[in-house]
N, C-alpha and C. Protein backbone atom coordinates (compact mmCIF):
# COMPACT_ATOMS: atom_id res chain seq x y z
N MET A 1 177.34 -105.62 -67.04
CA MET A 1 178.09 -105.85 -65.69
C MET A 1 177.63 -104.84 -64.53
N ALA A 2 177.37 -103.41 -65.18
CA ALA A 2 177.13 -102.75 -64.15
C ALA A 2 175.35 -102.69 -63.82
N ALA A 3 174.65 -103.31 -65.09
CA ALA A 3 173.24 -103.47 -64.54
C ALA A 3 173.06 -104.31 -63.75
N ARG A 4 174.01 -105.78 -63.53
CA ARG A 4 173.63 -106.37 -62.61
C ARG A 4 174.13 -106.07 -61.50
N LYS A 5 175.04 -105.06 -61.25
CA LYS A 5 175.32 -104.60 -60.06
C LYS A 5 174.19 -103.90 -59.69
N SER A 6 173.70 -103.03 -60.29
CA SER A 6 172.46 -101.93 -59.83
C SER A 6 171.26 -103.15 -59.69
N LEU A 7 170.91 -104.27 -60.26
CA LEU A 7 169.87 -104.91 -59.81
C LEU A 7 170.10 -105.40 -58.63
N LYS A 8 171.29 -105.96 -58.02
CA LYS A 8 172.07 -106.59 -56.72
C LYS A 8 171.26 -105.45 -55.77
N ILE A 9 171.82 -104.39 -56.20
CA ILE A 9 171.85 -102.91 -54.84
C ILE A 9 170.26 -102.98 -55.09
N ALA A 10 169.37 -102.80 -56.38
CA ALA A 10 167.78 -102.48 -55.98
C ALA A 10 167.31 -104.02 -55.02
N ALA A 11 167.41 -105.05 -55.37
CA ALA A 11 167.22 -106.18 -54.36
C ALA A 11 167.79 -106.23 -53.24
N ALA A 12 168.61 -106.02 -52.77
CA ALA A 12 168.95 -105.33 -51.20
C ALA A 12 168.24 -104.41 -50.70
N VAL A 13 167.84 -103.09 -51.49
CA VAL A 13 167.44 -102.12 -50.98
C VAL A 13 166.03 -102.83 -50.59
N ILE A 14 165.46 -103.27 -51.65
CA ILE A 14 163.95 -103.83 -51.14
C ILE A 14 164.00 -104.78 -50.11
N ALA A 15 164.84 -105.58 -49.95
CA ALA A 15 164.94 -106.34 -49.14
C ALA A 15 165.08 -105.66 -47.49
N LEU A 16 165.66 -104.80 -47.53
CA LEU A 16 165.93 -103.69 -46.34
C LEU A 16 164.61 -103.13 -45.93
N LEU A 17 163.85 -102.85 -47.26
CA LEU A 17 162.52 -102.14 -46.92
C LEU A 17 161.84 -103.09 -46.35
N GLY A 18 161.28 -104.06 -46.97
CA GLY A 18 160.78 -105.00 -46.52
C GLY A 18 160.99 -105.31 -45.07
N LEU A 19 162.32 -105.60 -44.56
CA LEU A 19 162.49 -105.97 -43.27
C LEU A 19 162.17 -104.68 -42.14
N ALA A 20 162.63 -103.60 -42.77
CA ALA A 20 161.95 -102.31 -42.07
C ALA A 20 160.49 -102.21 -41.98
N LEU A 21 160.01 -102.52 -42.92
CA LEU A 21 158.40 -102.55 -42.67
C LEU A 21 157.99 -103.49 -41.72
N LEU A 22 158.37 -105.13 -41.90
CA LEU A 22 158.35 -105.66 -40.98
C LEU A 22 158.30 -105.61 -39.32
N ILE A 23 159.68 -105.18 -39.15
CA ILE A 23 159.99 -104.72 -37.83
C ILE A 23 158.97 -103.59 -37.25
N TYR A 24 158.63 -102.42 -38.16
CA TYR A 24 157.58 -101.44 -37.85
C TYR A 24 156.69 -101.87 -37.24
N LEU A 25 156.09 -103.05 -38.24
CA LEU A 25 154.30 -103.47 -37.82
C LEU A 25 154.59 -104.37 -36.77
N ALA A 26 155.61 -105.28 -36.43
CA ALA A 26 155.70 -106.29 -35.47
C ALA A 26 156.24 -105.73 -34.21
N VAL A 27 157.27 -105.13 -33.90
CA VAL A 27 157.78 -104.54 -33.00
C VAL A 27 156.85 -103.85 -31.64
N PRO A 28 156.00 -103.14 -32.01
CA PRO A 28 155.24 -102.35 -30.87
C PRO A 28 154.16 -103.74 -30.15
N ARG A 29 153.96 -104.79 -30.29
CA ARG A 29 153.59 -105.77 -29.98
C ARG A 29 154.52 -106.35 -28.74
N PHE A 30 155.76 -106.20 -29.01
CA PHE A 30 156.71 -106.76 -28.00
C PHE A 30 157.59 -105.41 -27.16
N LEU A 31 157.20 -104.29 -27.68
CA LEU A 31 157.56 -102.86 -26.81
C LEU A 31 156.85 -102.81 -25.54
N PRO A 32 157.36 -102.52 -24.41
CA PRO A 32 156.50 -101.97 -23.12
C PRO A 32 155.76 -101.11 -23.86
N SER A 33 154.34 -100.94 -23.19
CA SER A 33 153.42 -99.99 -23.44
C SER A 33 153.96 -98.77 -22.49
N LYS A 34 153.17 -97.52 -23.16
CA LYS A 34 153.65 -96.10 -22.62
C LYS A 34 152.75 -95.88 -21.22
N ASN A 35 151.61 -97.17 -21.32
CA ASN A 35 150.65 -97.03 -20.18
C ASN A 35 151.58 -98.06 -18.87
N PRO A 36 151.75 -97.57 -17.93
CA PRO A 36 152.31 -98.25 -17.08
C PRO A 36 151.18 -99.51 -16.23
N ALA A 37 150.11 -99.17 -16.30
CA ALA A 37 149.03 -100.11 -15.49
C ALA A 37 149.30 -101.24 -16.69
N ALA A 38 149.04 -100.72 -17.94
CA ALA A 38 148.79 -102.03 -18.95
C ALA A 38 150.41 -102.77 -18.70
N ASN A 39 151.48 -102.36 -18.72
CA ASN A 39 152.45 -103.07 -18.37
C ASN A 39 152.53 -103.71 -17.40
N LYS A 40 151.78 -103.51 -16.24
CA LYS A 40 151.76 -104.23 -15.06
C LYS A 40 151.14 -105.23 -15.09
N ALA A 41 149.80 -105.14 -15.29
CA ALA A 41 149.02 -106.14 -15.66
C ALA A 41 149.37 -107.07 -16.88
N SER A 42 149.98 -106.78 -17.91
CA SER A 42 150.57 -107.89 -19.07
C SER A 42 151.38 -108.85 -18.10
N THR A 43 152.38 -107.95 -17.15
CA THR A 43 153.78 -108.72 -16.52
C THR A 43 152.90 -109.69 -15.68
N GLN A 44 151.72 -109.37 -14.93
CA GLN A 44 150.87 -110.40 -13.98
C GLN A 44 150.50 -111.38 -14.70
N VAL A 45 149.88 -111.07 -15.99
CA VAL A 45 149.71 -112.23 -16.87
C VAL A 45 150.36 -113.11 -16.97
N LEU A 46 151.47 -112.81 -17.36
CA LEU A 46 152.77 -113.57 -18.06
C LEU A 46 153.50 -114.27 -17.05
N GLN A 47 153.38 -113.61 -15.79
CA GLN A 47 153.90 -114.42 -14.32
C GLN A 47 153.03 -115.42 -13.93
N ARG A 48 151.33 -115.35 -14.28
CA ARG A 48 150.30 -116.46 -13.80
C ARG A 48 150.81 -117.54 -14.91
N LYS A 49 150.74 -117.06 -15.98
CA LYS A 49 150.73 -118.27 -16.79
C LYS A 49 152.00 -119.00 -16.67
N LEU A 50 153.24 -118.38 -16.59
CA LEU A 50 154.48 -118.98 -16.13
C LEU A 50 154.30 -119.75 -14.72
N ALA A 51 153.71 -119.12 -13.89
CA ALA A 51 153.71 -120.04 -12.63
C ALA A 51 152.74 -121.24 -12.61
N TYR A 52 151.66 -121.08 -13.32
CA TYR A 52 150.47 -122.09 -13.30
C TYR A 52 150.87 -123.47 -13.39
N THR A 53 150.39 -124.38 -12.81
CA THR A 53 150.64 -126.04 -13.70
C THR A 53 149.47 -126.35 -12.84
N SER A 54 149.14 -127.81 -13.45
CA SER A 54 148.00 -128.30 -12.83
C SER A 54 148.30 -129.18 -12.13
N ASP A 55 149.46 -129.41 -12.07
CA ASP A 55 150.06 -130.89 -10.94
C ASP A 55 150.03 -130.18 -9.73
N PRO A 56 149.05 -130.90 -8.94
CA PRO A 56 148.68 -131.05 -7.68
C PRO A 56 149.91 -131.03 -6.95
N GLY A 57 150.60 -131.90 -6.82
CA GLY A 57 151.90 -132.16 -6.40
C GLY A 57 152.84 -130.52 -6.15
N ALA A 58 153.11 -129.99 -7.49
CA ALA A 58 153.60 -128.90 -7.65
C ALA A 58 153.13 -127.60 -7.17
N LEU A 59 151.63 -127.58 -7.00
CA LEU A 59 150.78 -126.69 -6.52
C LEU A 59 150.94 -126.39 -4.76
N MET A 60 150.98 -127.85 -4.43
CA MET A 60 151.30 -128.18 -3.12
C MET A 60 152.58 -127.50 -2.75
N LYS A 61 153.49 -127.63 -3.24
CA LYS A 61 154.98 -127.07 -2.89
C LYS A 61 154.67 -125.65 -2.90
N ARG A 62 154.22 -124.76 -3.91
CA ARG A 62 154.28 -123.25 -4.09
C ARG A 62 153.47 -122.98 -2.57
N ALA A 63 152.42 -123.77 -1.92
CA ALA A 63 151.72 -123.31 -1.13
C ALA A 63 152.51 -123.39 0.16
N ALA A 64 153.14 -124.30 -0.03
CA ALA A 64 153.94 -124.69 1.41
C ALA A 64 155.13 -123.57 1.58
N GLN A 65 155.28 -123.50 0.10
CA GLN A 65 156.09 -122.21 0.08
C GLN A 65 155.81 -121.21 0.79
N ALA A 66 154.91 -120.90 0.18
CA ALA A 66 154.21 -119.84 1.16
C ALA A 66 153.92 -119.31 2.43
N GLU A 67 153.62 -120.45 2.83
CA GLU A 67 153.54 -120.94 4.28
C GLU A 67 154.79 -120.55 5.14
N SER A 68 155.84 -121.36 4.56
CA SER A 68 156.98 -121.08 5.30
C SER A 68 157.73 -119.74 5.40
N LYS A 69 157.32 -118.82 4.59
CA LYS A 69 157.45 -117.42 4.59
C LYS A 69 156.56 -116.97 5.33
N GLY A 70 155.56 -117.50 5.81
CA GLY A 70 154.68 -116.58 6.73
C GLY A 70 153.39 -115.90 6.09
N ASP A 71 153.63 -116.39 4.62
CA ASP A 71 152.40 -115.73 3.73
C ASP A 71 151.12 -116.22 3.52
N TRP A 72 150.38 -116.39 4.79
CA TRP A 72 149.10 -116.85 4.80
C TRP A 72 148.21 -116.89 3.71
N LYS A 73 147.86 -115.48 3.55
CA LYS A 73 147.02 -115.11 2.13
C LYS A 73 147.74 -115.97 0.92
N GLY A 74 148.78 -115.75 0.82
CA GLY A 74 149.32 -116.54 -0.47
C GLY A 74 149.17 -117.90 -0.19
N ALA A 75 149.43 -118.57 0.53
CA ALA A 75 149.25 -120.16 0.71
C ALA A 75 147.66 -120.39 0.49
N LEU A 76 147.21 -119.37 1.25
CA LEU A 76 145.77 -120.19 1.38
C LEU A 76 145.56 -119.95 -0.24
N ASP A 77 145.43 -118.95 -1.04
CA ASP A 77 145.18 -118.65 -2.42
C ASP A 77 145.65 -120.22 -3.36
N TRP A 78 146.68 -120.30 -2.96
CA TRP A 78 147.36 -121.74 -3.75
C TRP A 78 146.60 -123.03 -2.98
N TYR A 79 146.25 -123.00 -1.92
CA TYR A 79 145.44 -124.13 -1.53
C TYR A 79 144.08 -124.32 -2.11
N LYS A 80 143.46 -122.87 -2.42
CA LYS A 80 142.33 -123.27 -3.40
C LYS A 80 142.45 -123.56 -4.84
N ILE A 81 143.31 -123.25 -5.24
CA ILE A 81 143.80 -123.51 -6.64
C ILE A 81 144.07 -125.09 -6.65
N VAL A 82 144.78 -125.50 -5.64
CA VAL A 82 145.09 -127.02 -5.33
C VAL A 82 143.80 -127.79 -5.53
N ILE A 83 142.89 -127.30 -4.33
CA ILE A 83 141.76 -128.14 -4.41
C ILE A 83 141.21 -128.42 -5.47
N GLY A 84 140.86 -126.83 -6.27
CA GLY A 84 140.21 -126.95 -7.40
C GLY A 84 140.97 -128.04 -8.83
N SER A 85 142.06 -128.24 -8.53
CA SER A 85 143.08 -129.16 -9.14
C SER A 85 143.09 -130.45 -9.04
N MET A 86 142.56 -131.02 -7.90
CA MET A 86 142.18 -132.27 -7.52
C MET A 86 140.70 -133.10 -8.02
N ASN A 87 140.99 -134.23 -8.19
CA ASN A 87 139.47 -134.96 -8.25
C ASN A 87 139.19 -134.93 -6.99
N ASP A 88 138.07 -135.75 -6.51
CA ASP A 88 137.75 -136.13 -5.39
C ASP A 88 138.26 -137.50 -4.78
N THR A 89 139.00 -138.16 -5.71
CA THR A 89 139.22 -139.60 -5.37
C THR A 89 140.68 -139.46 -4.94
N ASP A 90 141.22 -138.36 -5.01
CA ASP A 90 142.81 -137.89 -4.44
C ASP A 90 142.95 -137.76 -3.31
N PRO A 91 144.12 -138.62 -2.54
CA PRO A 91 143.98 -138.83 -1.30
C PRO A 91 144.50 -137.61 -0.67
N ARG A 92 145.18 -136.93 -1.23
CA ARG A 92 146.17 -135.43 -0.84
C ARG A 92 144.69 -134.54 -0.55
N LYS A 93 143.65 -134.36 -1.07
CA LYS A 93 142.33 -133.74 -0.92
C LYS A 93 142.09 -133.16 0.56
N GLY A 94 142.14 -133.99 0.98
CA GLY A 94 141.50 -133.91 2.60
C GLY A 94 143.14 -133.23 3.49
N TYR A 95 144.15 -133.82 3.13
CA TYR A 95 145.07 -132.51 3.41
C TYR A 95 145.28 -131.14 3.01
N ALA A 96 144.73 -131.27 1.69
CA ALA A 96 144.91 -129.79 0.92
C ALA A 96 143.62 -128.86 1.76
N TYR A 97 142.75 -129.58 2.23
CA TYR A 97 141.49 -128.68 3.00
C TYR A 97 141.96 -128.24 4.53
N TYR A 98 142.76 -129.23 5.26
CA TYR A 98 143.35 -128.97 6.61
C TYR A 98 144.22 -127.79 6.12
N ARG A 99 145.18 -128.08 5.29
CA ARG A 99 146.16 -126.98 5.32
C ARG A 99 145.52 -125.46 4.96
N LYS A 100 144.24 -125.49 4.15
CA LYS A 100 143.31 -124.15 3.90
C LYS A 100 143.10 -123.99 5.04
N ALA A 101 142.40 -124.81 6.02
CA ALA A 101 141.82 -124.31 6.99
C ALA A 101 143.02 -123.79 8.20
N TYR A 102 144.30 -124.78 8.07
CA TYR A 102 145.18 -124.02 8.97
C TYR A 102 145.55 -122.29 8.73
N CYS A 103 145.61 -121.84 7.35
CA CYS A 103 145.99 -120.69 6.58
C CYS A 103 144.84 -119.88 7.15
N SER A 104 143.55 -120.01 6.98
CA SER A 104 142.73 -119.35 7.68
C SER A 104 142.61 -119.39 9.12
N PHE A 105 143.30 -120.19 9.88
CA PHE A 105 143.15 -120.04 11.32
C PHE A 105 144.38 -118.91 11.52
N GLN A 106 145.40 -118.96 11.08
CA GLN A 106 146.36 -118.00 10.88
C GLN A 106 146.19 -116.42 10.67
N LEU A 107 144.93 -116.66 9.72
CA LEU A 107 144.62 -115.27 9.26
C LEU A 107 143.73 -114.93 10.44
N GLN A 108 143.23 -115.89 11.62
CA GLN A 108 142.76 -115.43 12.38
C GLN A 108 140.91 -115.08 11.71
N ASP A 109 140.54 -115.94 10.72
CA ASP A 109 139.43 -116.39 10.22
C ASP A 109 138.72 -117.62 10.69
N TYR A 110 138.52 -117.71 12.00
CA TYR A 110 137.84 -118.78 12.42
C TYR A 110 136.71 -119.56 11.74
N GLU A 111 135.82 -118.61 11.40
CA GLU A 111 134.37 -119.27 11.12
C GLU A 111 135.04 -120.13 9.46
N GLN A 112 135.85 -119.34 8.43
CA GLN A 112 136.31 -119.94 7.35
C GLN A 112 137.21 -121.30 7.63
N ALA A 113 138.01 -121.17 8.74
CA ALA A 113 138.84 -122.26 9.01
C ALA A 113 138.12 -123.70 9.29
N GLN A 114 136.94 -123.21 10.21
CA GLN A 114 135.98 -124.35 10.79
C GLN A 114 135.41 -124.79 9.62
N LYS A 115 134.90 -124.42 8.67
CA LYS A 115 134.18 -124.74 7.38
C LYS A 115 134.93 -125.58 6.47
N SER A 116 136.37 -124.96 6.45
CA SER A 116 137.26 -125.82 5.51
C SER A 116 137.81 -127.06 6.10
N LEU A 117 137.95 -126.77 7.29
CA LEU A 117 138.37 -128.31 8.14
C LEU A 117 137.21 -129.25 8.52
N GLU A 118 135.71 -128.82 8.50
CA GLU A 118 134.68 -129.81 8.64
C GLU A 118 134.61 -130.27 7.42
N TYR A 119 134.69 -129.76 6.32
CA TYR A 119 134.47 -130.56 4.87
C TYR A 119 135.46 -131.31 4.73
N GLY A 120 136.78 -130.89 5.06
CA GLY A 120 137.74 -131.96 4.79
C GLY A 120 137.64 -133.33 5.48
N LEU A 121 137.42 -132.68 6.82
CA LEU A 121 136.96 -134.26 7.69
C LEU A 121 135.85 -134.84 7.31
N ASN A 122 134.61 -134.35 7.00
CA ASN A 122 133.31 -134.96 6.67
C ASN A 122 133.77 -135.73 5.15
N ASN A 123 134.66 -135.16 4.42
CA ASN A 123 134.24 -135.92 3.25
C ASN A 123 135.90 -136.56 2.68
N PHE A 124 136.63 -136.60 3.73
CA PHE A 124 137.99 -137.40 3.18
C PHE A 124 138.28 -137.71 4.45
N PRO A 125 137.70 -138.85 5.39
CA PRO A 125 137.95 -139.25 6.64
C PRO A 125 139.05 -139.91 6.62
N GLN A 126 139.92 -140.67 5.35
CA GLN A 126 140.99 -141.22 5.71
C GLN A 126 142.25 -140.42 5.47
N MET A 127 141.70 -139.08 5.66
CA MET A 127 143.14 -138.24 5.41
C MET A 127 144.01 -138.70 6.42
N SER A 128 145.62 -138.63 6.21
CA SER A 128 146.78 -139.22 6.80
C SER A 128 147.31 -138.41 7.99
N ASN A 129 146.42 -137.28 8.18
CA ASN A 129 147.05 -136.12 9.46
C ASN A 129 145.71 -136.16 9.99
N MET A 130 144.85 -136.97 10.37
CA MET A 130 143.36 -136.67 10.99
C MET A 130 143.88 -136.14 12.27
N ASP A 131 144.45 -136.78 13.41
CA ASP A 131 144.95 -135.95 14.30
C ASP A 131 145.29 -134.82 14.33
N ASP A 132 146.03 -134.47 13.41
CA ASP A 132 146.52 -132.83 13.11
C ASP A 132 145.61 -132.32 13.31
N ALA A 133 144.55 -132.41 11.99
CA ALA A 133 143.26 -131.80 11.85
C ALA A 133 142.32 -131.51 12.97
N LEU A 134 142.14 -132.60 13.94
CA LEU A 134 141.85 -132.61 15.14
C LEU A 134 142.02 -131.57 15.75
N PHE A 135 143.37 -131.64 16.07
CA PHE A 135 143.90 -130.65 17.15
C PHE A 135 143.30 -129.23 16.54
N LEU A 136 143.54 -129.22 15.57
CA LEU A 136 143.11 -127.80 14.72
C LEU A 136 141.70 -127.13 15.11
N MET A 137 141.02 -128.79 14.93
CA MET A 137 139.62 -128.30 15.15
C MET A 137 139.46 -128.10 16.64
N ALA A 138 140.01 -128.57 17.47
CA ALA A 138 139.79 -127.99 18.79
C ALA A 138 140.64 -126.66 19.15
N GLN A 139 141.26 -126.48 18.73
CA GLN A 139 142.02 -124.76 18.57
C GLN A 139 141.09 -123.83 17.97
N ILE A 140 140.35 -124.37 17.02
CA ILE A 140 139.50 -123.07 16.74
C ILE A 140 138.20 -123.30 17.39
N TYR A 141 137.88 -124.50 17.71
CA TYR A 141 136.44 -123.98 18.95
C TYR A 141 137.05 -123.25 20.23
N VAL A 142 138.07 -123.46 20.17
CA VAL A 142 138.71 -122.62 21.55
C VAL A 142 138.63 -120.89 21.39
N LYS A 143 139.23 -120.80 19.99
CA LYS A 143 139.44 -119.43 19.51
C LYS A 143 137.51 -118.87 19.52
N GLN A 144 136.80 -119.68 19.15
CA GLN A 144 135.30 -119.05 19.19
C GLN A 144 134.61 -119.51 20.37
N GLY A 145 135.42 -119.63 21.69
CA GLY A 145 134.66 -119.92 22.84
C GLY A 145 134.26 -120.90 23.14
N ASN A 146 133.88 -121.92 21.97
CA ASN A 146 133.07 -123.02 22.32
C ASN A 146 134.09 -124.07 22.86
N PHE A 147 134.23 -124.04 23.93
CA PHE A 147 134.55 -125.10 24.89
C PHE A 147 134.32 -126.11 25.30
N ASP A 148 133.06 -126.64 25.48
CA ASP A 148 132.22 -127.85 25.46
C ASP A 148 132.66 -128.71 23.83
N TYR A 149 132.77 -128.03 22.80
CA TYR A 149 132.99 -128.78 21.31
C TYR A 149 134.59 -129.01 21.89
N ALA A 150 135.41 -128.13 22.11
CA ALA A 150 137.16 -128.31 21.70
C ALA A 150 137.27 -129.66 23.23
N TYR A 151 136.52 -129.46 24.25
CA TYR A 151 136.42 -130.73 25.29
C TYR A 151 136.03 -132.19 24.54
N LYS A 152 134.98 -132.01 23.81
CA LYS A 152 134.64 -133.42 22.92
C LYS A 152 135.68 -133.67 22.22
N THR A 153 136.10 -132.59 21.55
CA THR A 153 137.09 -132.92 20.35
C THR A 153 138.44 -133.62 20.67
N TYR A 154 138.71 -132.88 22.14
CA TYR A 154 139.87 -133.45 22.54
C TYR A 154 139.69 -135.19 23.06
N ASN A 155 138.51 -135.29 23.61
CA ASN A 155 138.31 -136.98 23.97
C ASN A 155 138.24 -137.78 22.76
N THR A 156 137.76 -137.14 21.51
CA THR A 156 137.78 -138.12 20.26
C THR A 156 139.24 -138.19 20.20
N ILE A 157 140.11 -137.31 20.15
CA ILE A 157 141.51 -137.89 20.01
C ILE A 157 142.04 -138.76 20.97
N ILE A 158 141.58 -138.61 21.88
CA ILE A 158 142.20 -139.36 23.16
C ILE A 158 141.97 -140.75 22.74
N LYS A 159 140.32 -140.85 22.69
CA LYS A 159 140.10 -142.60 22.17
C LYS A 159 140.45 -142.94 20.74
N MET A 160 140.94 -141.93 19.59
CA MET A 160 141.08 -142.31 18.23
C MET A 160 142.39 -142.48 18.05
N PHE A 161 143.24 -141.82 19.01
CA PHE A 161 145.02 -141.79 18.68
C PHE A 161 145.32 -141.99 20.21
N PRO A 162 145.93 -143.06 20.53
CA PRO A 162 146.00 -143.29 22.01
C PRO A 162 147.68 -142.67 22.03
N ARG A 163 148.36 -142.54 20.93
CA ARG A 163 149.63 -142.11 21.17
C ARG A 163 150.11 -140.69 21.11
N ARG A 164 148.48 -139.80 20.79
CA ARG A 164 148.79 -138.52 20.97
C ARG A 164 147.86 -138.14 22.65
N ALA A 165 147.45 -139.11 23.09
CA ALA A 165 146.49 -139.19 24.11
C ALA A 165 146.82 -137.88 25.16
N ASP A 166 148.26 -138.02 25.54
CA ASP A 166 148.77 -137.25 26.60
C ASP A 166 148.50 -136.01 26.44
N GLU A 167 149.12 -135.61 24.97
CA GLU A 167 149.05 -134.09 24.53
C GLU A 167 147.58 -133.54 24.65
N ALA A 168 146.71 -134.50 24.03
CA ALA A 168 145.54 -133.99 24.00
C ALA A 168 144.46 -133.41 25.66
N ARG A 169 145.00 -134.74 26.54
CA ARG A 169 144.58 -134.18 27.73
C ARG A 169 145.27 -133.41 28.54
N LYS A 170 146.73 -132.73 28.20
CA LYS A 170 147.00 -131.95 28.80
C LYS A 170 146.65 -130.47 28.24
N LEU A 171 146.27 -130.60 26.66
CA LEU A 171 145.14 -129.35 26.06
C LEU A 171 144.20 -129.30 26.91
N GLN A 172 143.62 -130.30 26.98
CA GLN A 172 142.15 -130.33 27.74
C GLN A 172 142.00 -129.98 29.11
N SER A 173 143.15 -130.22 29.65
CA SER A 173 143.05 -129.76 31.18
C SER A 173 143.29 -128.14 31.09
N GLN A 174 143.90 -127.52 30.04
CA GLN A 174 143.75 -125.79 29.99
C GLN A 174 142.40 -125.46 29.69
N LEU A 175 141.55 -125.97 29.26
CA LEU A 175 140.16 -125.38 29.09
C LEU A 175 139.61 -124.98 30.59
N PRO A 176 138.67 -124.06 30.31
CA PRO A 176 137.90 -123.72 31.59
C PRO A 176 137.03 -125.06 32.20
N PRO A 177 136.77 -124.98 33.27
CA PRO A 177 136.32 -126.02 33.65
C PRO A 177 135.07 -126.20 33.12
N GLN A 178 134.26 -127.38 33.01
CA GLN A 178 132.90 -127.99 32.30
C GLN A 178 131.87 -127.50 33.14
N PRO A 179 131.11 -126.99 32.99
CA PRO A 179 129.89 -126.97 33.88
C PRO A 179 129.33 -128.27 34.24
N GLN A 180 129.20 -128.53 35.36
CA GLN A 180 128.48 -130.10 36.00
C GLN A 180 126.93 -129.72 35.32
N THR A 181 126.70 -130.75 34.68
CA THR A 181 125.10 -131.29 34.16
C THR A 181 124.50 -131.08 35.45
N ALA A 182 123.36 -130.18 35.76
CA ALA A 182 122.76 -130.28 36.97
C ALA A 182 121.72 -131.74 36.71
N THR A 183 121.58 -132.35 37.88
CA THR A 183 120.85 -133.66 38.08
C THR A 183 119.60 -132.96 38.61
N PRO A 184 118.46 -133.54 38.07
CA PRO A 184 117.44 -132.98 38.57
C PRO A 184 117.13 -133.73 39.98
N PRO A 185 116.64 -132.68 40.73
CA PRO A 185 116.39 -133.19 42.27
C PRO A 185 115.69 -134.48 42.15
N GLN A 186 115.89 -135.26 43.11
CA GLN A 186 114.80 -136.83 43.24
C GLN A 186 114.15 -136.77 44.05
N PRO A 187 112.83 -136.83 43.98
CA PRO A 187 111.40 -136.93 44.81
C PRO A 187 112.36 -137.68 46.24
N GLN A 188 112.18 -136.86 47.14
CA GLN A 188 112.14 -137.90 48.13
C GLN A 188 110.92 -138.88 48.91
N ASN A 189 111.54 -139.85 49.26
CA ASN A 189 110.10 -140.82 49.33
C ASN A 189 109.03 -139.83 50.90
N PRO A 190 108.32 -139.45 50.14
CA PRO A 190 107.13 -138.67 51.00
C PRO A 190 106.78 -139.79 51.86
N SER A 191 106.70 -139.20 53.40
CA SER A 191 106.01 -139.55 54.55
C SER A 191 104.77 -139.90 54.30
N PRO A 192 103.93 -141.01 54.50
CA PRO A 192 102.55 -140.84 54.49
C PRO A 192 102.02 -139.86 54.86
N THR A 193 101.13 -139.30 54.10
CA THR A 193 100.16 -138.32 55.00
C THR A 193 98.89 -138.88 55.56
N PRO A 194 98.83 -138.15 56.78
CA PRO A 194 97.79 -138.99 57.47
C PRO A 194 96.46 -138.88 56.73
N GLY A 195 95.97 -139.96 56.64
CA GLY A 195 94.50 -139.83 55.96
C GLY A 195 93.54 -139.94 56.93
N PRO A 196 92.16 -139.72 56.35
CA PRO A 196 91.07 -139.86 57.13
C PRO A 196 91.14 -141.25 58.20
N SER A 197 91.23 -141.24 59.47
CA SER A 197 91.17 -142.38 60.14
C SER A 197 90.06 -143.15 59.88
N GLY A 198 90.11 -144.38 60.28
CA GLY A 198 88.96 -145.45 60.29
C GLY A 198 87.90 -145.38 61.60
N LYS A 199 88.25 -144.19 62.48
CA LYS A 199 87.46 -144.43 63.54
C LYS A 199 86.22 -143.51 63.42
């Protein structure tokens, strides 16, 4: 009976030692590193993995949340991810380019805003918010001092979107006056010059 009791105690000790060895080998992988930079990097990786989804709808919501907080840079980053996650046949892709351009506009990167919006307008002509996109394009032209293109863009809005024509006319009227194209002077009917007389 004592031998049996000793055997149970030995088995328990061996099991505890095995468990201790397992914990010793496994725990450092789960404990925070002593290096704060490594902790921050691993936390960021984990956050990215938890935050990442390939569902464009969910990504668009995250971008919209960043926009609602005025986090234009964060929203811009999200829209870049959104655009990368969509195929070219997705009807929301044009809208994503429009929002990307809007974020760049808010960050006062008018050149990038123009490039994004032109790409969206040229490649996704059926975008659901074409009128808003054209208004943004006109605003970009105004910020760049390109009033002639802004004027023409407002004319396009007036023709394509009659329900927003008054709004476009009002904004167009606030542009600096367009220079009148000079018409070349018309030659006047010259009076016949006296030629040699037949006398």
